[in-house]
Amino acid sequence: MDITQVAKLLNRVGKLVEIKDGYLREKEFHAKNHHKLEEIDGVWEFGLVMIERTNNPIMKKLKEFSTETEGAKYFLLDNLSSFFFSEKVRPFMMEHDELDIGGSNFDIDMLFKTMSLLSIPSSLLIIAKQKVKQRSIQLERVDETNYIVSFIGEKGDIIHSTIPINYHRALFIAFKKVYMLHLFKQEVIKLLEGEEIINDFSENDISIFLQ
């Protein structure tokens, strides 16, 4: 995978990016902070170009990669994540404020009701620590007030977990991750299969999309 392929995929879904002078950047850059991926002295750097409220734009480095492939994959998944959240997740929350997603009235039952409204299989959310062998999101209670939210890979391994967080925060993160996982299964996999690159992505890569 290279930056040309990434630009093609992102532009196809409606996330506008461009390649200029050998680097890849978000196209919505006029007077606005934007992300950029470029090679500097043999290292691929991903960062945020700071434009707002400054006369001298600079790039704040966020990640670095030893190969173009790794940098390109990260740029793709990070941008797809923010795009799907802004185009799918946030609008749903705004259209259904009666659900109080992330609020004090949002509980486990409401979370499953929300998943039902979105046609998300209930099997994608695992309550308590269980042995499963499919990609899913696990919500585990650790004490009287705290929970951990984990991404489980297709072989049943824990790929990423939050630190212990309070109940309502955990429910919101579980909602966001389970919706994003559903979107990955329904839309992103098809996008990657169309370019015959789905096998290039590991469970840790998928975790970037679920962030």
Protein backbone atom coordinates (compact mmCIF):
# COMPACT_ATOMS: atom_id res chain seq x y z
CA MET A 1 0.00 0.00 0.00
CA ASP A 2 1.20 3.50 -0.83
CA ILE A 3 -0.07 7.07 -0.52
CA THR A 4 -1.51 7.03 -4.05
CA GLN A 5 -3.74 4.08 -3.17
CA VAL A 6 -4.78 5.74 0.09
CA ALA A 7 -5.74 8.95 -1.70
CA LYS A 8 -7.85 6.94 -4.15
CA LEU A 9 -9.71 5.11 -1.36
CA LEU A 10 -10.38 8.17 0.78
CA ASN A 11 -11.58 10.28 -2.12
CA ARG A 12 -13.88 7.42 -3.17
CA VAL A 13 -15.79 7.52 0.13
CA GLY A 14 -15.93 11.32 0.16
CA LYS A 15 -13.02 12.15 2.46
CA LEU A 16 -11.11 14.58 0.24
CA VAL A 17 -7.33 14.33 0.25
CA GLU A 18 -4.56 15.14 -2.22
CA ILE A 19 -0.95 14.30 -2.99
CA LYS A 20 1.30 17.29 -3.51
CA ASP A 21 5.09 17.38 -3.80
CA GLY A 22 5.28 13.76 -2.67
CA TYR A 23 3.23 14.09 0.51
CA LEU A 24 -0.36 13.27 1.37
CA ARG A 25 -2.70 15.72 3.10
CA GLU A 26 -6.35 16.38 3.80
CA LYS A 27 -7.77 18.66 1.13
CA GLU A 28 -9.85 20.84 3.49
CA PHE A 29 -6.72 22.79 4.35
CA HIS A 30 -7.49 26.44 3.52
CA ALA A 31 -7.09 28.37 6.79
CA LYS A 32 -7.78 25.15 8.69
CA ASN A 33 -5.60 22.73 10.61
CA HIS A 34 -5.15 19.50 8.64
CA HIS A 35 -3.33 16.18 8.80
CA LYS A 36 -0.37 15.38 6.62
CA LEU A 37 1.89 12.40 5.88
CA GLU A 38 5.32 13.00 4.40
CA GLU A 39 8.73 11.41 4.15
CA ILE A 40 11.51 13.23 5.98
CA ASP A 41 15.05 11.79 5.92
CA GLY A 42 13.77 8.27 5.22
CA VAL A 43 11.08 8.35 7.92
CA TRP A 44 7.37 8.83 7.24
CA GLU A 45 5.92 11.40 9.60
CA PHE A 46 2.20 11.85 10.31
CA GLY A 47 1.23 15.11 11.91
CA LEU A 48 -1.15 18.02 12.26
CA VAL A 49 -0.33 21.16 10.29
CA MET A 50 -1.21 24.10 12.53
CA ILE A 51 -2.64 26.96 10.47
CA GLU A 52 -5.37 28.49 12.62
CA ARG A 53 -4.34 31.60 14.54
CA THR A 54 -0.78 31.61 13.20
CA ASN A 55 1.12 33.34 10.40
CA ASN A 56 3.78 30.62 10.30
CA PRO A 57 2.22 27.17 9.77
CA ILE A 58 4.10 24.29 11.40
CA MET A 59 3.51 20.56 11.54
CA LYS A 60 3.12 18.95 14.95
CA LYS A 61 4.40 15.38 14.56
CA LEU A 62 2.01 12.80 16.03
CA LYS A 63 3.40 9.51 14.69
CA GLU A 64 6.34 8.26 12.67
CA PHE A 65 6.75 5.12 10.57
CA SER A 66 9.73 3.36 9.06
CA THR A 67 7.92 2.52 5.81
CA GLU A 68 5.47 4.21 3.46
CA THR A 69 3.12 1.22 3.80
CA GLU A 70 2.78 1.58 7.58
CA GLY A 71 2.34 5.33 7.36
CA ALA A 72 -0.20 4.99 4.55
CA LYS A 73 -2.24 2.43 6.47
CA TYR A 74 -2.34 4.67 9.53
CA PHE A 75 -3.34 7.74 7.50
CA LEU A 76 -6.10 5.73 5.81
CA LEU A 77 -7.57 4.25 8.98
CA ASP A 78 -7.28 7.45 11.04
CA ASN A 79 -9.05 9.46 8.35
CA LEU A 80 -11.70 6.80 7.73
CA SER A 81 -12.35 6.74 11.48
CA SER A 82 -12.91 10.48 11.78
CA PHE A 83 -14.94 10.51 8.54
CA PHE A 84 -17.35 7.75 9.58
CA PHE A 85 -17.72 9.23 13.07
CA SER A 86 -18.64 12.64 11.67
CA GLU A 87 -20.86 11.25 8.88
CA LYS A 88 -22.57 8.38 10.71
CA VAL A 89 -22.08 8.27 14.48
CA ARG A 90 -22.45 11.93 15.42
CA PRO A 91 -25.52 12.54 13.17
CA PHE A 92 -27.25 9.50 14.71
CA MET A 93 -26.62 10.85 18.20
CA MET A 94 -27.97 14.27 17.24
CA GLU A 95 -31.07 12.78 15.59
CA HIS A 96 -31.81 10.63 18.65
CA ASP A 97 -31.17 12.90 21.60
CA GLU A 98 -34.03 11.09 23.38
CA LEU A 99 -31.63 8.17 23.84
CA ASP A 100 -29.30 10.40 25.91
CA ILE A 101 -26.27 8.48 24.59
CA GLY A 102 -23.43 9.01 27.06
CA GLY A 103 -25.75 10.83 29.46
CA SER A 104 -26.98 9.94 32.93
CA ASN A 105 -30.07 8.12 31.59
CA PHE A 106 -28.12 5.91 29.18
CA ASP A 107 -27.79 2.37 30.56
CA ILE A 108 -27.09 -1.17 29.31
CA ASP A 109 -30.68 -1.68 28.16
CA MET A 110 -30.61 1.62 26.24
CA LEU A 111 -27.31 0.60 24.65
CA PHE A 112 -28.85 -2.60 23.30
CA LYS A 113 -31.93 -0.66 22.18
CA THR A 114 -29.65 1.73 20.30
CA MET A 115 -27.86 -1.18 18.65
CA SER A 116 -31.23 -2.60 17.58
CA LEU A 117 -32.21 0.73 15.99
CA LEU A 118 -28.97 0.62 14.01
CA SER A 119 -29.42 -3.07 13.07
CA ILE A 120 -26.18 -3.92 14.88
CA PRO A 121 -26.10 -7.61 15.93
CA SER A 122 -26.21 -7.95 19.71
CA SER A 123 -23.36 -10.47 19.41
CA LEU A 124 -20.96 -7.58 18.71
CA LEU A 125 -21.24 -6.46 22.34
CA ILE A 126 -20.00 -8.82 25.05
CA ILE A 127 -21.05 -8.10 28.63
CA ALA A 128 -18.54 -9.26 31.27
CA LYS A 129 -15.41 -11.24 30.51
CA GLN A 130 -16.24 -14.12 28.19
CA LYS A 131 -14.37 -16.33 25.78
CA VAL A 132 -15.40 -15.42 22.26
CA LYS A 133 -13.79 -16.00 18.89
CA GLN A 134 -15.05 -13.11 16.81
CA ARG A 135 -14.38 -9.43 16.54
CA SER A 136 -16.46 -7.77 19.21
CA ILE A 137 -16.50 -5.13 21.92
CA GLN A 138 -16.37 -6.26 25.53
CA LEU A 139 -17.76 -4.29 28.48
CA GLU A 140 -16.34 -5.62 31.74
CA ARG A 141 -17.09 -4.41 35.27
CA VAL A 142 -13.96 -4.21 37.44
CA ASP A 143 -15.36 -2.76 40.68
CA GLU A 144 -18.37 -0.89 42.09
CA THR A 145 -17.89 2.16 39.88
CA ASN A 146 -15.48 1.31 37.07
CA TYR A 147 -15.59 -0.61 33.81
CA ILE A 148 -13.13 -1.54 31.07
CA VAL A 149 -14.02 -1.51 27.36
CA SER A 150 -11.98 -3.83 25.14
CA PHE A 151 -11.70 -4.67 21.47
CA ILE A 152 -11.61 -8.44 20.97
CA GLY A 153 -9.98 -9.80 17.81
CA GLU A 154 -11.39 -12.56 15.64
CA LYS A 155 -9.33 -15.20 17.48
CA GLY A 156 -10.57 -14.10 20.90
CA ASP A 157 -7.49 -12.09 21.91
CA ILE A 158 -7.81 -8.72 23.63
CA ILE A 159 -6.35 -6.23 21.16
CA HIS A 160 -6.88 -3.01 23.09
CA SER A 161 -8.50 -1.99 26.37
CA THR A 162 -9.32 1.29 28.06
CA ILE A 163 -8.17 2.08 31.54
CA PRO A 164 -10.90 1.61 34.20
CA ILE A 165 -13.50 4.33 33.61
CA ASN A 166 -16.85 5.24 35.15
CA TYR A 167 -20.09 3.58 34.08
CA HIS A 168 -21.54 6.27 31.83
CA ARG A 169 -18.22 7.00 30.13
CA ALA A 170 -17.74 3.27 29.53
CA LEU A 171 -21.20 2.95 28.00
CA PHE A 172 -20.54 5.81 25.61
CA ILE A 173 -17.20 4.35 24.51
CA ALA A 174 -18.82 0.91 24.13
CA PHE A 175 -21.54 2.46 21.94
CA LYS A 176 -19.01 4.30 19.79
CA LYS A 177 -16.73 1.30 19.34
CA VAL A 178 -19.51 -1.20 18.63
CA TYR A 179 -21.02 1.16 16.03
CA MET A 180 -17.60 1.73 14.45
CA LEU A 181 -16.94 -2.03 14.41
CA HIS A 182 -20.29 -2.54 12.67
CA LEU A 183 -19.35 0.11 10.10
CA PHE A 184 -15.99 -1.57 9.58
CA LYS A 185 -17.70 -4.89 8.89
CA GLN A 186 -20.39 -3.40 6.65
CA GLU A 187 -18.49 -0.75 4.70
CA VAL A 188 -14.74 -0.62 5.26
CA ILE A 189 -14.12 -4.30 4.56
CA LYS A 190 -15.89 -3.96 1.21
CA LEU A 191 -13.76 -0.92 0.41
CA LEU A 192 -10.53 -2.79 1.18
CA GLU A 193 -11.65 -5.96 -0.59
CA GLY A 194 -12.34 -3.88 -3.71
CA GLU A 195 -8.63 -3.05 -3.81
CA GLU A 196 -7.64 -6.60 -2.75
CA ILE A 197 -5.79 -5.30 0.31
CA ILE A 198 -7.99 -6.54 3.17
CA ASN A 199 -5.33 -9.11 4.14
CA ASP A 200 -2.81 -6.31 4.65
CA PHE A 201 -4.62 -5.17 7.79
CA SER A 202 -4.01 -6.65 11.24
CA GLU A 203 -6.25 -6.55 14.31
CA ASN A 204 -4.07 -3.74 15.66
CA ASP A 205 -4.69 -1.79 12.45
CA ILE A 206 -8.43 -2.25 12.85
CA SER A 207 -8.12 -0.94 16.42
CA ILE A 208 -6.95 2.39 14.93
CA PHE A 209 -10.27 2.69 13.10
CA LEU A 210 -12.19 1.97 16.32
CA GLN A 211 -10.35 4.63 18.33
